[in-house]
Amino acid sequence: MTNVDTDVALVMAVIRPEKLADTKQALANAGAPSLTVTDVSGRGSQPVMTEQWRGEEYTVDLHQKVKVECVVADAPVDDVVDAIREAAHTGESGDGKIFVLPVADAVQIRTGDSGTDAV
């Protein structure tokens, strides 16, 4: 359950790249089809891996992830969070995190609408 007391919230999730298609579908089903996706890398509880390239061994401690951002005004935030959590879950270390932030305001550039009308 989230503790966001505004009409608009930013739901940001850092997930495995292979779970992106499932997450996009889950967000559409939850009533939040608009999203922004960014390729990112980072480290958390996922173990460090050692790999070889051209005979040289190197350490991979930054893992490739995808950051999904979704501004929510029309759908319940808890439903959006649950949809992401269920779609991105593998049960293994490195599944990712979901962050929920209140949005003070939003302005649509084309129309000048603000607040929930802009979303």
PDB file of N, CA and C in Angstrom:
ATOM      1  N   MET A   1       0.849  -1.187   0.000  1.00  0.00           N
ATOM      2  CA  MET A   1       0.000   0.000   0.000  1.00  0.00           C
ATOM      3  C   MET A   1       0.883   1.234   0.000  1.00  0.00           C
ATOM      4  N   THR A   2       0.544   2.196  -0.832  1.00  0.00           N
ATOM      5  CA  THR A   2       1.336   3.404  -0.946  1.00  0.00           C
ATOM      6  C   THR A   2       0.800   4.496  -0.034  1.00  0.00           C
ATOM      7  N   ASN A   3       1.662   5.460   0.260  1.00  0.00           N
ATOM      8  CA  ASN A   3       1.278   6.574   1.129  1.00  0.00           C
ATOM      9  C   ASN A   3       1.322   7.885   0.364  1.00  0.00           C
ATOM     10  N   VAL A   4       0.802   7.915  -0.855  1.00  0.00           N
ATOM     11  CA  VAL A   4       0.822   9.118  -1.664  1.00  0.00           C
ATOM     12  C   VAL A   4      -0.529   9.805  -1.543  1.00  0.00           C
ATOM     13  N   ASP A   5      -0.517  11.077  -1.101  1.00  0.00           N
ATOM     14  CA  ASP A   5      -1.761  11.798  -0.846  1.00  0.00           C
ATOM     15  C   ASP A   5      -2.069  12.851  -1.911  1.00  0.00           C
ATOM     16  N   THR A   6      -1.596  12.666  -3.143  1.00  0.00           N
ATOM     17  CA  THR A   6      -1.912  13.616  -4.200  1.00  0.00           C
ATOM     18  C   THR A   6      -2.733  12.909  -5.267  1.00  0.00           C
ATOM     19  N   ASP A   7      -3.272  13.702  -6.200  1.00  0.00           N
ATOM     20  CA  ASP A   7      -4.046  13.134  -7.292  1.00  0.00           C
ATOM     21  C   ASP A   7      -3.154  12.508  -8.361  1.00  0.00           C
ATOM     22  N   VAL A   8      -1.889  12.916  -8.388  1.00  0.00           N
ATOM     23  CA  VAL A   8      -0.954  12.450  -9.403  1.00  0.00           C
ATOM     24  C   VAL A   8       0.272  11.858  -8.707  1.00  0.00           C
ATOM     25  N   ALA A   9       0.713  10.689  -9.186  1.00  0.00           N
ATOM     26  CA  ALA A   9       1.892  10.043  -8.603  1.00  0.00           C
ATOM     27  C   ALA A   9       2.801   9.555  -9.722  1.00  0.00           C
ATOM     28  N   LEU A  10       4.092   9.549  -9.451  1.00  0.00           N
ATOM     29  CA  LEU A  10       5.074   8.983 -10.359  1.00  0.00           C
ATOM     30  C   LEU A  10       5.466   7.611  -9.817  1.00  0.00           C
ATOM     31  N   VAL A  11       5.200   6.582 -10.594  1.00  0.00           N
ATOM     32  CA  VAL A  11       5.611   5.234 -10.230  1.00  0.00           C
ATOM     33  C   VAL A  11       6.822   4.918 -11.083  1.00  0.00           C
ATOM     34  N   MET A  12       7.946   4.656 -10.427  1.00  0.00           N
ATOM     35  CA  MET A  12       9.205   4.391 -11.103  1.00  0.00           C
ATOM     36  C   MET A  12       9.680   3.006 -10.688  1.00  0.00           C
ATOM     37  N   ALA A  13       9.981   2.168 -11.665  1.00  0.00           N
ATOM     38  CA  ALA A  13      10.440   0.812 -11.374  1.00  0.00           C
ATOM     39  C   ALA A  13      11.723   0.537 -12.135  1.00  0.00           C
ATOM     40  N   VAL A  14      12.668  -0.105 -11.471  1.00  0.00           N
ATOM     41  CA  VAL A  14      13.895  -0.570 -12.110  1.00  0.00           C
ATOM     42  C   VAL A  14      13.777  -2.084 -12.155  1.00  0.00           C
ATOM     43  N   ILE A  15      13.713  -2.637 -13.379  1.00  0.00           N
ATOM     44  CA  ILE A  15      13.419  -4.059 -13.556  1.00  0.00           C
ATOM     45  C   ILE A  15      14.417  -4.706 -14.510  1.00  0.00           C
ATOM     46  N   ARG A  16      14.328  -6.028 -14.618  1.00  0.00           N
ATOM     47  CA  ARG A  16      15.133  -6.772 -15.585  1.00  0.00           C
ATOM     48  C   ARG A  16      14.632  -6.464 -17.003  1.00  0.00           C
ATOM     49  N   PRO A  17      15.547  -6.310 -17.966  1.00  0.00           N
ATOM     50  CA  PRO A  17      15.124  -5.999 -19.335  1.00  0.00           C
ATOM     51  C   PRO A  17      14.187  -7.046 -19.936  1.00  0.00           C
ATOM     52  N   GLU A  18      14.382  -8.311 -19.606  1.00  0.00           N
ATOM     53  CA  GLU A  18      13.552  -9.368 -20.186  1.00  0.00           C
ATOM     54  C   GLU A  18      12.126  -9.354 -19.656  1.00  0.00           C
ATOM     55  N   LYS A  19      11.844  -8.575 -18.619  1.00  0.00           N
ATOM     56  CA  LYS A  19      10.493  -8.475 -18.057  1.00  0.00           C
ATOM     57  C   LYS A  19       9.745  -7.229 -18.550  1.00  0.00           C
ATOM     58  N   LEU A  20      10.350  -6.480 -19.469  1.00  0.00           N
ATOM     59  CA  LEU A  20       9.737  -5.243 -19.945  1.00  0.00           C
ATOM     60  C   LEU A  20       8.417  -5.496 -20.681  1.00  0.00           C
ATOM     61  N   ALA A  21       8.375  -6.463 -21.583  1.00  0.00           N
ATOM     62  CA  ALA A  21       7.147  -6.730 -22.339  1.00  0.00           C
ATOM     63  C   ALA A  21       6.004  -7.110 -21.409  1.00  0.00           C
ATOM     64  N   ASP A  22       6.276  -7.969 -20.432  1.00  0.00           N
ATOM     65  CA  ASP A  22       5.246  -8.359 -19.466  1.00  0.00           C
ATOM     66  C   ASP A  22       4.776  -7.152 -18.659  1.00  0.00           C
ATOM     67  N   THR A  23       5.710  -6.274 -18.290  1.00  0.00           N
ATOM     68  CA  THR A  23       5.377  -5.099 -17.484  1.00  0.00           C
ATOM     69  C   THR A  23       4.540  -4.109 -18.290  1.00  0.00           C
ATOM     70  N   LYS A  24       4.885  -3.903 -19.559  1.00  0.00           N
ATOM     71  CA  LYS A  24       4.089  -3.010 -20.405  1.00  0.00           C
ATOM     72  C   LYS A  24       2.656  -3.511 -20.529  1.00  0.00           C
ATOM     73  N   GLN A  25       2.490  -4.801 -20.732  1.00  0.00           N
ATOM     74  CA  GLN A  25       1.151  -5.375 -20.857  1.00  0.00           C
ATOM     75  C   GLN A  25       0.376  -5.237 -19.548  1.00  0.00           C
ATOM     76  N   ALA A  26       1.049  -5.493 -18.432  1.00  0.00           N
ATOM     77  CA  ALA A  26       0.401  -5.384 -17.122  1.00  0.00           C
ATOM     78  C   ALA A  26      -0.033  -3.945 -16.841  1.00  0.00           C
ATOM     79  N   LEU A  27       0.783  -2.968 -17.216  1.00  0.00           N
ATOM     80  CA  LEU A  27       0.414  -1.566 -17.020  1.00  0.00           C
ATOM     81  C   LEU A  27      -0.792  -1.194 -17.879  1.00  0.00           C
ATOM     82  N   ALA A  28      -0.824  -1.672 -19.112  1.00  0.00           N
ATOM     83  CA  ALA A  28      -1.975  -1.399 -19.975  1.00  0.00           C
ATOM     84  C   ALA A  28      -3.243  -2.005 -19.376  1.00  0.00           C
ATOM     85  N   ASN A  29      -3.137  -3.217 -18.853  1.00  0.00           N
ATOM     86  CA  ASN A  29      -4.290  -3.876 -18.236  1.00  0.00           C
ATOM     87  C   ASN A  29      -4.746  -3.164 -16.962  1.00  0.00           C
ATOM     88  N   ALA A  30      -3.806  -2.497 -16.269  1.00  0.00           N
ATOM     89  CA  ALA A  30      -4.131  -1.786 -15.026  1.00  0.00           C
ATOM     90  C   ALA A  30      -4.678  -0.386 -15.295  1.00  0.00           C
ATOM     91  N   GLY A  31      -4.749   0.012 -16.565  1.00  0.00           N
ATOM     92  CA  GLY A  31      -5.275   1.330 -16.896  1.00  0.00           C
ATOM     93  C   GLY A  31      -4.242   2.427 -16.916  1.00  0.00           C
ATOM     94  N   ALA A  32      -2.963   2.059 -17.020  1.00  0.00           N
ATOM     95  CA  ALA A  32      -1.876   3.035 -17.057  1.00  0.00           C
ATOM     96  C   ALA A  32      -0.955   2.728 -18.237  1.00  0.00           C
ATOM     97  N   PRO A  33      -1.438   2.943 -19.477  1.00  0.00           N
ATOM     98  CA  PRO A  33      -0.651   2.543 -20.641  1.00  0.00           C
ATOM     99  C   PRO A  33       0.506   3.477 -20.992  1.00  0.00           C
ATOM    100  N   SER A  34       0.486   4.724 -20.508  1.00  0.00           N
ATOM    101  CA  SER A  34       1.542   5.685 -20.845  1.00  0.00           C
ATOM    102  C   SER A  34       2.752   5.459 -19.957  1.00  0.00           C
ATOM    103  N   LEU A  35       3.926   5.380 -20.573  1.00  0.00           N
ATOM    104  CA  LEU A  35       5.134   5.150 -19.784  1.00  0.00           C
ATOM    105  C   LEU A  35       6.352   5.667 -20.516  1.00  0.00           C
ATOM    106  N   THR A  36       7.426   5.810 -19.784  1.00  0.00           N
ATOM    107  CA  THR A  36       8.734   6.158 -20.323  1.00  0.00           C
ATOM    108  C   THR A  36       9.689   5.058 -19.910  1.00  0.00           C
ATOM    109  N   VAL A  37      10.505   4.594 -20.855  1.00  0.00           N
ATOM    110  CA  VAL A  37      11.440   3.505 -20.588  1.00  0.00           C
ATOM    111  C   VAL A  37      12.851   3.996 -20.882  1.00  0.00           C
ATOM    112  N   THR A  38      13.768   3.727 -19.949  1.00  0.00           N
ATOM    113  CA  THR A  38      15.161   4.119 -20.089  1.00  0.00           C
ATOM    114  C   THR A  38      16.051   2.933 -19.777  1.00  0.00           C
ATOM    115  N   ASP A  39      17.078   2.697 -20.606  1.00  0.00           N
ATOM    116  CA  ASP A  39      18.072   1.673 -20.290  1.00  0.00           C
ATOM    117  C   ASP A  39      19.025   2.239 -19.246  1.00  0.00           C
ATOM    118  N   VAL A  40      19.200   1.505 -18.160  1.00  0.00           N
ATOM    119  CA  VAL A  40      20.083   1.937 -17.075  1.00  0.00           C
ATOM    120  C   VAL A  40      20.957   0.765 -16.649  1.00  0.00           C
ATOM    121  N   SER A  41      21.950   1.042 -15.841  1.00  0.00           N
ATOM    122  CA  SER A  41      22.736  -0.028 -15.226  1.00  0.00           C
ATOM    123  C   SER A  41      22.943   0.341 -13.770  1.00  0.00           C
ATOM    124  N   GLY A  42      23.062  -0.677 -12.941  1.00  0.00           N
ATOM    125  CA  GLY A  42      23.230  -0.415 -11.521  1.00  0.00           C
ATOM    126  C   GLY A  42      23.574  -1.686 -10.771  1.00  0.00           C
ATOM    127  N   ARG A  43      23.717  -1.547  -9.490  1.00  0.00           N
ATOM    128  CA  ARG A  43      23.999  -2.719  -8.669  1.00  0.00           C
ATOM    129  C   ARG A  43      23.236  -2.618  -7.368  1.00  0.00           C
ATOM    130  N   GLY A  44      22.898  -3.790  -6.876  1.00  0.00           N
ATOM    131  CA  GLY A  44      22.183  -3.885  -5.614  1.00  0.00           C
ATOM    132  C   GLY A  44      22.543  -5.204  -4.984  1.00  0.00           C
ATOM    133  N   SER A  45      21.544  -6.045  -4.752  1.00  0.00           N
ATOM    134  CA  SER A  45      21.797  -7.320  -4.089  1.00  0.00           C
ATOM    135  C   SER A  45      22.202  -8.427  -5.055  1.00  0.00           C
ATOM    136  N   GLN A  46      22.151  -8.141  -6.361  1.00  0.00           N
ATOM    137  CA  GLN A  46      22.546  -9.144  -7.350  1.00  0.00           C
ATOM    138  C   GLN A  46      24.036  -9.406  -7.234  1.00  0.00           C
ATOM    139  N   PRO A  47      24.469 -10.691  -7.290  1.00  0.00           N
ATOM    140  CA  PRO A  47      25.888 -10.997  -7.109  1.00  0.00           C
ATOM    141  C   PRO A  47      26.755 -10.475  -8.253  1.00  0.00           C
ATOM    142  N   VAL A  48      28.002 -10.176  -7.921  1.00  0.00           N
ATOM    143  CA  VAL A  48      28.993  -9.763  -8.917  1.00  0.00           C
ATOM    144  C   VAL A  48      29.355 -10.974  -9.764  1.00  0.00           C
ATOM    145  N   MET A  49      29.467 -10.765 -11.078  1.00  0.00           N
ATOM    146  CA  MET A  49      29.817 -11.859 -11.981  1.00  0.00           C
ATOM    147  C   MET A  49      31.202 -11.606 -12.560  1.00  0.00           C
ATOM    148  N   THR A  50      31.920 -12.697 -12.826  1.00  0.00           N
ATOM    149  CA  THR A  50      33.212 -12.619 -13.489  1.00  0.00           C
ATOM    150  C   THR A  50      33.067 -13.236 -14.869  1.00  0.00           C
ATOM    151  N   GLU A  51      33.487 -12.503 -15.904  1.00  0.00           N
ATOM    152  CA  GLU A  51      33.388 -12.980 -17.271  1.00  0.00           C
ATOM    153  C   GLU A  51      34.731 -12.834 -17.958  1.00  0.00           C
ATOM    154  N   GLN A  52      34.836 -13.424 -19.148  1.00  0.00           N
ATOM    155  CA  GLN A  52      36.066 -13.325 -19.925  1.00  0.00           C
ATOM    156  C   GLN A  52      35.765 -12.733 -21.288  1.00  0.00           C
ATOM    157  N   TRP A  53      36.698 -11.919 -21.761  1.00  0.00           N
ATOM    158  CA  TRP A  53      36.614 -11.358 -23.101  1.00  0.00           C
ATOM    159  C   TRP A  53      38.020 -11.262 -23.659  1.00  0.00           C
ATOM    160  N   ARG A  54      38.241 -11.921 -24.795  1.00  0.00           N
ATOM    161  CA  ARG A  54      39.559 -11.978 -25.442  1.00  0.00           C
ATOM    162  C   ARG A  54      40.638 -12.450 -24.475  1.00  0.00           C
ATOM    163  N   GLY A  55      40.296 -13.436 -23.697  1.00  0.00           N
ATOM    164  CA  GLY A  55      41.262 -14.038 -22.791  1.00  0.00           C
ATOM    165  C   GLY A  55      41.480 -13.291 -21.497  1.00  0.00           C
ATOM    166  N   GLU A  56      40.899 -12.133 -21.356  1.00  0.00           N
ATOM    167  CA  GLU A  56      41.045 -11.338 -20.137  1.00  0.00           C
ATOM    168  C   GLU A  56      39.806 -11.500 -19.270  1.00  0.00           C
ATOM    169  N   GLU A  57      40.025 -11.657 -17.981  1.00  0.00           N
ATOM    170  CA  GLU A  57      38.926 -11.778 -17.037  1.00  0.00           C
ATOM    171  C   GLU A  57      38.555 -10.396 -16.514  1.00  0.00           C
ATOM    172  N   TYR A  58      37.257 -10.135 -16.424  1.00  0.00           N
ATOM    173  CA  TYR A  58      36.805  -8.860 -15.878  1.00  0.00           C
ATOM    174  C   TYR A  58      35.570  -9.072 -15.010  1.00  0.00           C
ATOM    175  N   THR A  59      35.318  -8.111 -14.145  1.00  0.00           N
ATOM    176  CA  THR A  59      34.229  -8.197 -13.186  1.00  0.00           C
ATOM    177  C   THR A  59      33.055  -7.350 -13.672  1.00  0.00           C
ATOM    178  N   VAL A  60      31.869  -7.936 -13.619  1.00  0.00           N
ATOM    179  CA  VAL A  60      30.646  -7.217 -13.970  1.00  0.00           C
ATOM    180  C   VAL A  60      29.895  -6.958 -12.666  1.00  0.00           C
ATOM    181  N   ASP A  61      29.942  -5.708 -12.192  1.00  0.00           N
ATOM    182  CA  ASP A  61      29.227  -5.377 -10.963  1.00  0.00           C
ATOM    183  C   ASP A  61      28.099  -4.380 -11.210  1.00  0.00           C
ATOM    184  N   LEU A  62      27.987  -3.881 -12.437  1.00  0.00           N
ATOM    185  CA  LEU A  62      26.859  -3.054 -12.826  1.00  0.00           C
ATOM    186  C   LEU A  62      26.027  -3.864 -13.815  1.00  0.00           C
ATOM    187  N   HIS A  63      24.814  -4.186 -13.431  1.00  0.00           N
ATOM    188  CA  HIS A  63      23.946  -5.036 -14.243  1.00  0.00           C
ATOM    189  C   HIS A  63      23.001  -4.177 -15.077  1.00  0.00           C
ATOM    190  N   GLN A  64      22.723  -4.631 -16.297  1.00  0.00           N
ATOM    191  CA  GLN A  64      21.810  -3.915 -17.182  1.00  0.00           C
ATOM    192  C   GLN A  64      20.382  -4.048 -16.659  1.00  0.00           C
ATOM    193  N   LYS A  65      19.703  -2.935 -16.567  1.00  0.00           N
ATOM    194  CA  LYS A  65      18.311  -2.884 -16.094  1.00  0.00           C
ATOM    195  C   LYS A  65      17.527  -1.948 -17.003  1.00  0.00           C
ATOM    196  N   VAL A  66      16.234  -1.888 -16.780  1.00  0.00           N
ATOM    197  CA  VAL A  66      15.349  -0.968 -17.483  1.00  0.00           C
ATOM    198  C   VAL A  66      14.584  -0.185 -16.431  1.00  0.00           C
ATOM    199  N   LYS A  67      14.556   1.142 -16.599  1.00  0.00           N
ATOM    200  CA  LYS A  67      13.764   1.975 -15.685  1.00  0.00           C
ATOM    201  C   LYS A  67      12.465   2.340 -16.397  1.00  0.00           C
ATOM    202  N   VAL A  68      11.358   2.002 -15.768  1.00  0.00           N
ATOM    203  CA  VAL A  68      10.028   2.284 -16.299  1.00  0.00           C
ATOM    204  C   VAL A  68       9.404   3.354 -15.418  1.00  0.00           C
ATOM    205  N   GLU A  69       8.993   4.458 -16.031  1.00  0.00           N
ATOM    206  CA  GLU A  69       8.355   5.538 -15.298  1.00  0.00           C
ATOM    207  C   GLU A  69       6.945   5.726 -15.830  1.00  0.00           C
ATOM    208  N   CYS A  70       6.018   5.857 -14.909  1.00  0.00           N
ATOM    209  CA  CYS A  70       4.610   5.962 -15.271  1.00  0.00           C
ATOM    210  C   CYS A  70       3.963   6.994 -14.352  1.00  0.00           C
ATOM    211  N   VAL A  71       3.404   8.045 -14.937  1.00  0.00           N
ATOM    212  CA  VAL A  71       2.695   9.046 -14.155  1.00  0.00           C
ATOM    213  C   VAL A  71       1.235   8.618 -14.100  1.00  0.00           C
ATOM    214  N   VAL A  72       0.723   8.478 -12.883  1.00  0.00           N
ATOM    215  CA  VAL A  72      -0.600   7.902 -12.676  1.00  0.00           C
ATOM    216  C   VAL A  72      -1.539   8.955 -12.104  1.00  0.00           C
ATOM    217  N   ALA A  73      -2.695   9.128 -12.783  1.00  0.00           N
ATOM    218  CA  ALA A  73      -3.724  10.037 -12.279  1.00  0.00           C
ATOM    219  C   ALA A  73      -5.097   9.379 -12.325  1.00  0.00           C
ATOM    220  N   ASP A  74      -5.328   8.549 -13.347  1.00  0.00           N
ATOM    221  CA  ASP A  74      -6.658   7.969 -13.551  1.00  0.00           C
ATOM    222  C   ASP A  74      -6.824   6.586 -12.951  1.00  0.00           C
ATOM    223  N   ALA A  75      -5.735   5.884 -12.707  1.00  0.00           N
ATOM    224  CA  ALA A  75      -5.798   4.521 -12.161  1.00  0.00           C
ATOM    225  C   ALA A  75      -5.320   4.543 -10.709  1.00  0.00           C
ATOM    226  N   PRO A  76      -5.819   3.650  -9.874  1.00  0.00           N
ATOM    227  CA  PRO A  76      -5.323   3.571  -8.492  1.00  0.00           C
ATOM    228  C   PRO A  76      -3.831   3.210  -8.465  1.00  0.00           C
ATOM    229  N   VAL A  77      -3.069   3.967  -7.712  1.00  0.00           N
ATOM    230  CA  VAL A  77      -1.618   3.762  -7.658  1.00  0.00           C
ATOM    231  C   VAL A  77      -1.288   2.358  -7.174  1.00  0.00           C
ATOM    232  N   ASP A  78      -2.019   1.855  -6.185  1.00  0.00           N
ATOM    233  CA  ASP A  78      -1.750   0.513  -5.667  1.00  0.00           C
ATOM    234  C   ASP A  78      -1.930  -0.554  -6.751  1.00  0.00           C
ATOM    235  N   ASP A  79      -2.913  -0.367  -7.638  1.00  0.00           N
ATOM    236  CA  ASP A  79      -3.115  -1.319  -8.730  1.00  0.00           C
ATOM    237  C   ASP A  79      -1.942  -1.293  -9.703  1.00  0.00           C
ATOM    238  N   VAL A  80      -1.419  -0.105  -9.968  1.00  0.00           N
ATOM    239  CA  VAL A  80      -0.270   0.031 -10.877  1.00  0.00           C
ATOM    240  C   VAL A  80       0.962  -0.623 -10.264  1.00  0.00           C
ATOM    241  N   VAL A  81       1.200  -0.373  -8.985  1.00  0.00           N
ATOM    242  CA  VAL A  81       2.351  -0.971  -8.291  1.00  0.00           C
ATOM    243  C   VAL A  81       2.229  -2.498  -8.287  1.00  0.00           C
ATOM    244  N   ASP A  82       1.053  -3.006  -7.974  1.00  0.00           N
ATOM    245  CA  ASP A  82       0.844  -4.459  -7.963  1.00  0.00           C
ATOM    246  C   ASP A  82       1.052  -5.060  -9.354  1.00  0.00           C
ATOM    247  N   ALA A  83       0.591  -4.357 -10.384  1.00  0.00           N
ATOM    248  CA  ALA A  83       0.757  -4.862 -11.752  1.00  0.00           C
ATOM    249  C   ALA A  83       2.234  -4.970 -12.113  1.00  0.00           C
ATOM    250  N   ILE A  84       3.019  -3.961 -11.767  1.00  0.00           N
ATOM    251  CA  ILE A  84       4.461  -4.001 -12.048  1.00  0.00           C
ATOM    252  C   ILE A  84       5.122  -5.113 -11.248  1.00  0.00           C
ATOM    253  N   ARG A  85       4.787  -5.188  -9.962  1.00  0.00           N
ATOM    254  CA  ARG A  85       5.417  -6.193  -9.098  1.00  0.00           C
ATOM    255  C   ARG A  85       5.153  -7.599  -9.609  1.00  0.00           C
ATOM    256  N   GLU A  86       3.928  -7.880  -9.986  1.00  0.00           N
ATOM    257  CA  GLU A  86       3.593  -9.225 -10.459  1.00  0.00           C
ATOM    258  C   GLU A  86       4.229  -9.524 -11.817  1.00  0.00           C
ATOM    259  N   ALA A  87       4.263  -8.528 -12.709  1.00  0.00           N
ATOM    260  CA  ALA A  87       4.810  -8.755 -14.045  1.00  0.00           C
ATOM    261  C   ALA A  87       6.331  -8.882 -14.043  1.00  0.00           C
ATOM    262  N   ALA A  88       7.007  -8.170 -13.147  1.00  0.00           N
ATOM    263  CA  ALA A  88       8.470  -8.153 -13.135  1.00  0.00           C
ATOM    264  C   ALA A  88       9.075  -9.206 -12.216  1.00  0.00           C
ATOM    265  N   HIS A  89       8.265  -9.902 -11.467  1.00  0.00           N
ATOM    266  CA  HIS A  89       8.749 -10.862 -10.471  1.00  0.00           C
ATOM    267  C   HIS A  89       9.301 -12.133 -11.111  1.00  0.00           C
ATOM    268  N   THR A  90      10.523 -12.514 -10.704  1.00  0.00           N
ATOM    269  CA  THR A  90      11.084 -13.819 -11.076  1.00  0.00           C
ATOM    270  C   THR A  90      11.394 -14.644  -9.842  1.00  0.00           C
ATOM    271  N   GLY A  91      11.490 -13.990  -8.685  1.00  0.00           N
ATOM    272  CA  GLY A  91      11.825 -14.680  -7.454  1.00  0.00           C
ATOM    273  C   GLY A  91      13.313 -14.770  -7.203  1.00  0.00           C
ATOM    274  N   GLU A  92      14.109 -14.198  -8.107  1.00  0.00           N
ATOM    275  CA  GLU A  92      15.561 -14.246  -7.967  1.00  0.00           C
ATOM    276  C   GLU A  92      16.092 -12.884  -7.536  1.00  0.00           C
ATOM    277  N   SER A  93      17.299 -12.900  -6.998  1.00  0.00           N
ATOM    278  CA  SER A  93      17.960 -11.665  -6.619  1.00  0.00           C
ATOM    279  C   SER A  93      18.138 -10.792  -7.862  1.00  0.00           C
ATOM    280  N   GLY A  94      17.870  -9.497  -7.738  1.00  0.00           N
ATOM    281  CA  GLY A  94      18.022  -8.591  -8.867  1.00  0.00           C
ATOM    282  C   GLY A  94      16.733  -8.320  -9.618  1.00  0.00           C
ATOM    283  N   ASP A  95      15.589  -8.690  -9.054  1.00  0.00           N
ATOM    284  CA  ASP A  95      14.306  -8.423  -9.714  1.00  0.00           C
ATOM    285  C   ASP A  95      14.031  -6.927  -9.842  1.00  0.00           C
ATOM    286  N   GLY A  96      14.538  -6.123  -8.942  1.00  0.00           N
ATOM    287  CA  GLY A  96      14.388  -4.679  -9.047  1.00  0.00           C
ATOM    288  C   GLY A  96      13.638  -4.059  -7.891  1.00  0.00           C
ATOM    289  N   LYS A  97      13.278  -2.803  -8.075  1.00  0.00           N
ATOM    290  CA  LYS A  97      12.594  -2.022  -7.043  1.00  0.00           C
ATOM    291  C   LYS A  97      11.530  -1.158  -7.702  1.00  0.00           C
ATOM    292  N   ILE A  98      10.524  -0.780  -6.913  1.00  0.00           N
ATOM    293  CA  ILE A  98       9.483   0.136  -7.355  1.00  0.00           C
ATOM    294  C   ILE A  98       9.459   1.309  -6.377  1.00  0.00           C
ATOM    295  N   PHE A  99       9.445   2.520  -6.913  1.00  0.00           N
ATOM    296  CA  PHE A  99       9.389   3.728  -6.103  1.00  0.00           C
ATOM    297  C   PHE A  99       8.133   4.499  -6.479  1.00  0.00           C
ATOM    298  N   VAL A 100       7.447   5.059  -5.489  1.00  0.00           N
ATOM    299  CA  VAL A 100       6.251   5.862  -5.726  1.00  0.00           C
ATOM    300  C   VAL A 100       6.493   7.243  -5.130  1.00  0.00           C
ATOM    301  N   LEU A 101       6.353   8.264  -5.988  1.00  0.00           N
ATOM    302  CA  LEU A 101       6.615   9.632  -5.571  1.00  0.00           C
ATOM    303  C   LEU A 101       5.397  10.501  -5.867  1.00  0.00           C
ATOM    304  N   PRO A 102       5.053  11.420  -4.972  1.00  0.00           N
ATOM    305  CA  PRO A 102       3.969  12.348  -5.280  1.00  0.00           C
ATOM    306  C   PRO A 102       4.431  13.350  -6.343  1.00  0.00           C
ATOM    307  N   VAL A 103       3.532  13.734  -7.223  1.00  0.00           N
ATOM    308  CA  VAL A 103       3.827  14.737  -8.244  1.00  0.00           C
ATOM    309  C   VAL A 103       3.095  16.015  -7.853  1.00  0.00           C
ATOM    310  N   ALA A 104       3.859  17.074  -7.618  1.00  0.00           N
ATOM    311  CA  ALA A 104       3.260  18.336  -7.189  1.00  0.00           C
ATOM    312  C   ALA A 104       2.402  18.937  -8.298  1.00  0.00           C
ATOM    313  N   ASP A 105       2.850  18.845  -9.541  1.00  0.00           N
ATOM    314  CA  ASP A 105       2.088  19.381 -10.656  1.00  0.00           C
ATOM    315  C   ASP A 105       2.634  18.796 -11.951  1.00  0.00           C
ATOM    316  N   ALA A 106       1.833  18.858 -12.985  1.00  0.00           N
ATOM    317  CA  ALA A 106       2.242  18.444 -14.322  1.00  0.00           C
ATOM    318  C   ALA A 106       1.638  19.443 -15.294  1.00  0.00           C
ATOM    319  N   VAL A 107       2.379  19.786 -16.344  1.00  0.00           N
ATOM    320  CA  VAL A 107       1.898  20.729 -17.345  1.00  0.00           C
ATOM    321  C   VAL A 107       2.112  20.115 -18.712  1.00  0.00           C
ATOM    322  N   GLN A 108       1.048  20.045 -19.504  1.00  0.00           N
ATOM    323  CA  GLN A 108       1.181  19.529 -20.865  1.00  0.00           C
ATOM    324  C   GLN A 108       1.666  20.672 -21.748  1.00  0.00           C
ATOM    325  N   ILE A 109       2.758  20.443 -22.458  1.00  0.00           N
ATOM    326  CA  ILE A 109       3.389  21.513 -23.238  1.00  0.00           C
ATOM    327  C   ILE A 109       2.474  22.003 -24.360  1.00  0.00           C
ATOM    328  N   ARG A 110       1.861  21.102 -25.083  1.00  0.00           N
ATOM    329  CA  ARG A 110       1.043  21.489 -26.251  1.00  0.00           C
ATOM    330  C   ARG A 110      -0.145  22.347 -25.871  1.00  0.00           C
ATOM    331  N   THR A 111      -0.902  21.934 -24.845  1.00  0.00           N
ATOM    332  CA  THR A 111      -2.160  22.618 -24.504  1.00  0.00           C
ATOM    333  C   THR A 111      -2.056  23.583 -23.337  1.00  0.00           C
ATOM    334  N   GLY A 112      -1.059  23.408 -22.504  1.00  0.00           N
ATOM    335  CA  GLY A 112      -0.929  24.232 -21.301  1.00  0.00           C
ATOM    336  C   GLY A 112      -1.763  23.711 -20.146  1.00  0.00           C
ATOM    337  N   ASP A 113      -2.487  22.581 -20.348  1.00  0.00           N
ATOM    338  CA  ASP A 113      -3.254  21.979 -19.262  1.00  0.00           C
ATOM    339  C   ASP A 113      -2.328  21.609 -18.127  1.00  0.00           C
ATOM    340  N   SER A 114      -2.859  21.670 -16.899  1.00  0.00           N
ATOM    341  CA  SER A 114      -2.041  21.299 -15.743  1.00  0.00           C
ATOM    342  C   SER A 114      -2.806  20.347 -14.837  1.00  0.00           C
ATOM    343  N   GLY A 115      -2.077  19.780 -13.869  1.00  0.00           N
ATOM    344  CA  GLY A 115      -2.679  18.833 -12.924  1.00  0.00           C
ATOM    345  C   GLY A 115      -3.077  17.548 -13.603  1.00  0.00           C
ATOM    346  N   THR A 116      -4.187  16.977 -13.178  1.00  0.00           N
ATOM    347  CA  THR A 116      -4.628  15.700 -13.735  1.00  0.00           C
ATOM    348  C   THR A 116      -5.040  15.829 -15.202  1.00  0.00           C
ATOM    349  N   ASP A 117      -5.438  17.034 -15.644  1.00  0.00           N
ATOM    350  CA  ASP A 117      -5.774  17.231 -17.052  1.00  0.00           C
ATOM    351  C   ASP A 117      -4.559  17.067 -17.953  1.00  0.00           C
ATOM    352  N   ALA A 118      -3.372  17.344 -17.434  1.00  0.00           N
ATOM    353  CA  ALA A 118      -2.150  17.225 -18.218  1.00  0.00           C
ATOM    354  C   ALA A 118      -1.712  15.774 -18.374  1.00  0.00           C
ATOM    355  N   VAL A 119      -2.122  14.943 -17.446  1.00  0.00           N
ATOM    356  CA  VAL A 119      -1.703  13.544 -17.480  1.00  0.00           C
ATOM    357  C   VAL A 119      -2.654  12.773 -18.366  1.00  0.00           C
TER     358      VAL A 119
END
